[in-house]
Amino acid sequence: MGTESKRTSNYGIAVLLFVVLFLIQFLFSRLGFYVSRSFDYSSVDPDGIFAQVSVHHIIQMLCAIAAILIIRKVKKIDGFKLRPRFDSKGIKYTLIFCAVLAAYYLIVYIAGSFTGTINSYDYELNSVNVTGTLGFQLLLSGPSEEILFRSLPITMVLSVLDPDTRRDRAIVVFGAALLFAIAHIDMITFSIPWFQVCYAFVLGIAYGYTFIRTKSVIYPMIMHSMSNVISVGGCYLYMLLFL
């Protein structure tokens, strides 16, 4: 088989892998949802806003880690980059990302305070709710979703493409970002929150690019968690100051 023919064949396999990964991610997410519904959280989360989603993310993260361990053993594929790794680029990317996102949300909430276009949360901002929601965003949202939506798909698809080729790296980063964006669509009702989907896609590209450049999922995890903390925390400040 010629080089061009082999490359075309590999791209076909990559597309098939993305489809399989979509099904795996959907399965893990639904499994996390069904397991998380099995418990009563009323004693620790009276308003039902953070405990169930925390269990959901723990379950889907454990499923993703189990899948990675099985793949490493059976297919001998490495490169999932789960270990912490000091990288000056990772620190720089993370700081720049957080600064840009903080500036963006500052503008959004300042503008929203004058136009009344900010959707606030409908629960009381007490210590339990604030600590629980911010704790979830900081400790679970990034680790769970970056293992499932970055480490697993990027490593799997790059195993059949050329990780040294810029085009192939771009394909897997954009593909993983697309899967991440699709995950924000309600697959039961097929309701599409377009802003949220597009926003997730853009952030997914930033996370994937950082994963590739730093060779560690730790920095995308931090970026992901901080983006959520900045978004939710910013809304809390808005509610306290203007509502």
Protein backbone atom coordinates (compact mmCIF):
# COMPACT_ATOMS: atom_id res chain seq x y z
CA MET A 1 0.00 0.00 0.00
CA GLY A 2 1.40 3.40 -1.00
CA THR A 3 2.06 6.20 1.44
CA GLU A 4 -0.91 8.29 0.22
CA SER A 5 -3.24 5.28 0.31
CA LYS A 6 -2.12 4.41 3.83
CA ARG A 7 -2.65 8.00 4.98
CA THR A 8 -6.19 8.00 3.54
CA SER A 9 -6.90 4.69 5.24
CA ASN A 10 -5.64 6.08 8.56
CA TYR A 11 -7.95 9.08 8.24
CA GLY A 12 -10.86 6.70 7.69
CA ILE A 13 -9.90 4.81 10.84
CA ALA A 14 -9.63 8.12 12.71
CA VAL A 15 -13.19 9.07 11.71
CA LEU A 16 -14.43 5.66 12.86
CA LEU A 17 -12.58 6.10 16.14
CA PHE A 18 -14.23 9.46 16.71
CA VAL A 19 -17.65 7.85 16.23
CA VAL A 20 -16.78 5.04 18.66
CA LEU A 21 -15.41 7.57 21.15
CA PHE A 22 -18.63 9.57 20.93
CA LEU A 23 -20.60 6.45 21.83
CA ILE A 24 -18.21 5.65 24.68
CA GLN A 25 -18.42 9.17 26.07
CA PHE A 26 -22.21 9.12 25.84
CA LEU A 27 -22.31 5.73 27.57
CA PHE A 28 -20.02 6.84 30.41
CA SER A 29 -21.99 10.05 30.89
CA ARG A 30 -25.34 8.22 31.00
CA LEU A 31 -23.92 5.63 33.38
CA GLY A 32 -22.75 8.42 35.67
CA PHE A 33 -26.21 9.98 35.47
CA TYR A 34 -28.05 6.78 36.37
CA VAL A 35 -25.69 5.87 39.22
CA SER A 36 -25.82 9.39 40.64
CA ARG A 37 -29.61 9.22 40.78
CA SER A 38 -29.44 6.24 43.13
CA PHE A 39 -28.51 8.25 46.23
CA ASP A 40 -30.26 10.70 48.52
CA TYR A 41 -28.25 13.91 48.92
CA SER A 42 -30.78 15.97 50.84
CA SER A 43 -28.74 15.99 54.04
CA VAL A 44 -25.66 17.51 52.40
CA ASP A 45 -27.25 19.30 49.44
CA PRO A 46 -30.77 20.44 50.35
CA ASP A 47 -31.22 22.43 47.13
CA GLY A 48 -29.93 19.61 44.91
CA ILE A 49 -27.41 21.65 42.97
CA PHE A 50 -23.98 20.05 43.39
CA ALA A 51 -23.95 16.60 45.04
CA GLN A 52 -25.57 14.58 42.27
CA VAL A 53 -23.54 16.21 39.51
CA SER A 54 -20.39 15.56 41.59
CA VAL A 55 -21.15 11.84 41.80
CA HIS A 56 -21.98 11.85 38.08
CA HIS A 57 -18.56 13.29 37.25
CA ILE A 58 -16.76 10.89 39.60
CA ILE A 59 -18.41 7.90 37.91
CA GLN A 60 -17.66 9.04 34.38
CA MET A 61 -14.07 9.84 35.37
CA LEU A 62 -13.59 6.36 36.87
CA CYS A 63 -15.05 4.82 33.72
CA ALA A 64 -12.65 6.84 31.55
CA ILE A 65 -9.65 5.85 33.68
CA ALA A 66 -10.71 2.19 33.55
CA ALA A 67 -10.99 2.41 29.75
CA ILE A 68 -7.54 3.97 29.53
CA LEU A 69 -5.99 1.24 31.71
CA ILE A 70 -7.62 -1.48 29.59
CA ILE A 71 -6.46 0.16 26.34
CA ARG A 72 -2.92 0.52 27.66
CA LYS A 73 -2.83 -3.16 28.61
CA VAL A 74 -4.55 -4.64 25.54
CA LYS A 75 -3.44 -2.30 22.73
CA LYS A 76 -0.16 -1.15 24.30
CA ILE A 77 -1.12 2.46 23.57
CA ASP A 78 0.58 4.96 25.84
CA GLY A 79 0.60 8.72 25.86
CA PHE A 80 -2.57 9.47 27.81
CA LYS A 81 -0.45 11.88 29.83
CA LEU A 82 -2.23 11.54 33.16
CA ARG A 83 0.82 12.15 35.33
CA PRO A 84 1.57 15.64 36.65
CA ARG A 85 4.42 17.22 34.72
CA PHE A 86 6.07 20.58 35.31
CA ASP A 87 6.08 22.55 32.09
CA SER A 88 6.80 26.26 31.75
CA LYS A 89 4.58 26.47 28.66
CA GLY A 90 1.73 24.88 30.59
CA ILE A 91 2.02 27.44 33.38
CA LYS A 92 2.19 30.30 30.84
CA TYR A 93 -0.81 29.02 28.86
CA THR A 94 -2.82 28.53 32.04
CA LEU A 95 -2.11 32.01 33.37
CA ILE A 96 -2.86 33.66 30.03
CA PHE A 97 -6.05 31.63 29.65
CA CYS A 98 -7.29 32.56 33.14
CA ALA A 99 -6.45 36.24 32.62
CA VAL A 100 -8.27 36.40 29.27
CA LEU A 101 -11.30 34.56 30.63
CA ALA A 102 -11.43 36.74 33.76
CA ALA A 103 -11.33 39.86 31.57
CA TYR A 104 -14.07 38.45 29.34
CA TYR A 105 -16.39 37.71 32.25
CA LEU A 106 -15.64 41.05 33.87
CA ILE A 107 -16.84 42.77 30.71
CA VAL A 108 -19.87 40.45 30.47
CA TYR A 109 -20.99 41.06 34.04
CA ILE A 110 -20.34 44.80 33.98
CA ALA A 111 -22.32 45.12 30.74
CA GLY A 112 -24.99 42.80 32.11
CA SER A 113 -25.40 44.92 35.23
CA PHE A 114 -26.52 47.82 33.03
CA THR A 115 -28.57 45.88 30.49
CA GLY A 116 -30.14 43.33 32.82
CA THR A 117 -29.18 40.46 30.53
CA ILE A 118 -27.43 38.23 33.07
CA ASN A 119 -29.24 35.05 34.05
CA SER A 120 -28.67 34.56 37.79
CA TYR A 121 -28.97 31.32 39.73
CA ASP A 122 -32.30 30.55 41.36
CA TYR A 123 -30.94 29.20 44.64
CA GLU A 124 -29.84 30.92 47.84
CA LEU A 125 -26.18 31.91 48.07
CA ASN A 126 -25.54 30.34 51.44
CA SER A 127 -22.29 28.72 52.60
CA VAL A 128 -23.37 25.19 51.65
CA ASN A 129 -24.42 26.11 48.10
CA VAL A 130 -21.46 28.36 47.37
CA THR A 131 -18.87 25.96 48.82
CA GLY A 132 -20.48 22.93 47.19
CA THR A 133 -20.83 24.39 43.70
CA LEU A 134 -17.42 26.06 43.61
CA GLY A 135 -15.83 22.95 45.13
CA PHE A 136 -17.36 20.82 42.36
CA GLN A 137 -16.20 23.19 39.65
CA LEU A 138 -12.68 23.42 41.07
CA LEU A 139 -12.04 19.78 42.00
CA LEU A 140 -14.18 17.63 39.69
CA SER A 141 -15.31 19.38 36.52
CA GLY A 142 -11.84 19.73 35.01
CA PRO A 143 -10.32 16.37 36.01
CA SER A 144 -13.38 14.34 35.01
CA GLU A 145 -14.08 16.00 31.67
CA GLU A 146 -10.48 16.43 30.54
CA ILE A 147 -9.68 12.74 31.04
CA LEU A 148 -12.83 11.78 29.11
CA PHE A 149 -12.80 14.48 26.43
CA ARG A 150 -9.09 15.21 25.94
CA SER A 151 -6.77 12.47 27.20
CA LEU A 152 -8.82 9.54 25.91
CA PRO A 153 -9.83 10.76 22.42
CA ILE A 154 -6.67 12.67 21.50
CA THR A 155 -4.39 9.79 22.47
CA MET A 156 -6.57 7.16 20.78
CA VAL A 157 -6.88 9.00 17.47
CA LEU A 158 -3.24 10.13 17.40
CA SER A 159 -2.28 6.44 17.71
CA VAL A 160 -3.46 5.92 14.11
CA LEU A 161 -2.28 9.29 12.78
CA ASP A 162 1.10 11.01 12.79
CA PRO A 163 1.64 12.92 16.06
CA ASP A 164 4.59 14.75 14.49
CA THR A 165 2.45 16.27 11.72
CA ARG A 166 0.79 19.61 12.44
CA ARG A 167 -2.24 18.73 10.31
CA ASP A 168 -2.87 15.47 12.18
CA ARG A 169 -2.49 17.17 15.55
CA ALA A 170 -4.97 19.83 14.46
CA ILE A 171 -7.43 17.13 13.34
CA VAL A 172 -7.44 15.40 16.73
CA VAL A 173 -7.65 18.66 18.68
CA PHE A 174 -10.60 19.88 16.60
CA GLY A 175 -12.22 16.43 16.67
CA ALA A 176 -11.96 16.17 20.46
CA ALA A 177 -13.32 19.73 20.78
CA LEU A 178 -16.26 18.78 18.56
CA LEU A 179 -17.05 15.77 20.77
CA PHE A 180 -16.87 18.04 23.81
CA ALA A 181 -19.25 20.52 22.18
CA ILE A 182 -21.69 17.77 21.19
CA ALA A 183 -21.70 16.58 24.82
CA HIS A 184 -23.45 19.86 25.68
CA ILE A 185 -26.43 18.91 23.49
CA ASP A 186 -29.36 17.21 25.17
CA MET A 187 -29.36 13.91 23.30
CA ILE A 188 -32.78 12.97 24.70
CA THR A 189 -34.69 16.03 23.46
CA PHE A 190 -32.04 17.14 20.92
CA SER A 191 -32.24 20.62 22.39
CA ILE A 192 -29.22 22.63 21.23
CA PRO A 193 -28.03 25.57 23.36
CA TRP A 194 -26.01 27.11 20.54
CA PHE A 195 -23.98 29.57 22.58
CA GLN A 196 -22.98 26.90 25.10
CA VAL A 197 -22.08 24.44 22.33
CA CYS A 198 -19.95 26.98 20.45
CA TYR A 199 -18.36 28.20 23.69
CA ALA A 200 -17.46 24.61 24.65
CA PHE A 201 -15.96 24.04 21.19
CA VAL A 202 -13.70 27.10 21.45
CA LEU A 203 -12.57 26.20 24.96
CA GLY A 204 -12.06 22.59 23.83
CA ILE A 205 -9.60 23.77 21.20
CA ALA A 206 -7.65 25.69 23.85
CA TYR A 207 -7.61 22.66 26.17
CA GLY A 208 -6.59 20.29 23.37
CA TYR A 209 -3.84 22.57 22.13
CA THR A 210 -2.48 22.82 25.68
CA PHE A 211 -2.66 19.02 26.08
CA ILE A 212 -0.62 18.52 22.91
CA ARG A 213 1.96 21.21 23.67
CA THR A 214 2.54 20.38 27.35
CA LYS A 215 2.24 16.57 27.05
CA SER A 216 0.15 16.58 30.23
CA VAL A 217 -3.57 16.59 30.93
CA ILE A 218 -2.95 18.45 34.19
CA TYR A 219 -2.83 21.91 32.60
CA PRO A 220 -6.09 21.46 30.62
CA MET A 221 -7.65 20.20 33.87
CA ILE A 222 -6.60 23.38 35.69
CA MET A 223 -7.74 25.60 32.81
CA HIS A 224 -11.09 23.82 32.60
CA SER A 225 -11.73 23.99 36.35
CA MET A 226 -10.70 27.63 36.55
CA SER A 227 -12.90 28.60 33.60
CA ASN A 228 -15.89 27.18 35.47
CA VAL A 229 -14.89 28.74 38.79
CA ILE A 230 -14.45 32.15 37.13
CA SER A 231 -17.81 31.84 35.35
CA VAL A 232 -19.81 30.64 38.38
CA GLY A 233 -17.94 32.78 40.89
CA GLY A 234 -18.39 35.83 38.68
CA CYS A 235 -22.14 35.27 38.64
CA TYR A 236 -22.15 34.94 42.43
CA LEU A 237 -20.38 38.29 42.75
CA TYR A 238 -22.84 39.83 40.32
CA MET A 239 -25.77 38.49 42.36
CA LEU A 240 -24.29 39.81 45.62
CA LEU A 241 -23.47 43.25 44.22
CA PHE A 242 -26.38 43.99 41.91
CA LEU A 243 -29.37 41.85 42.96
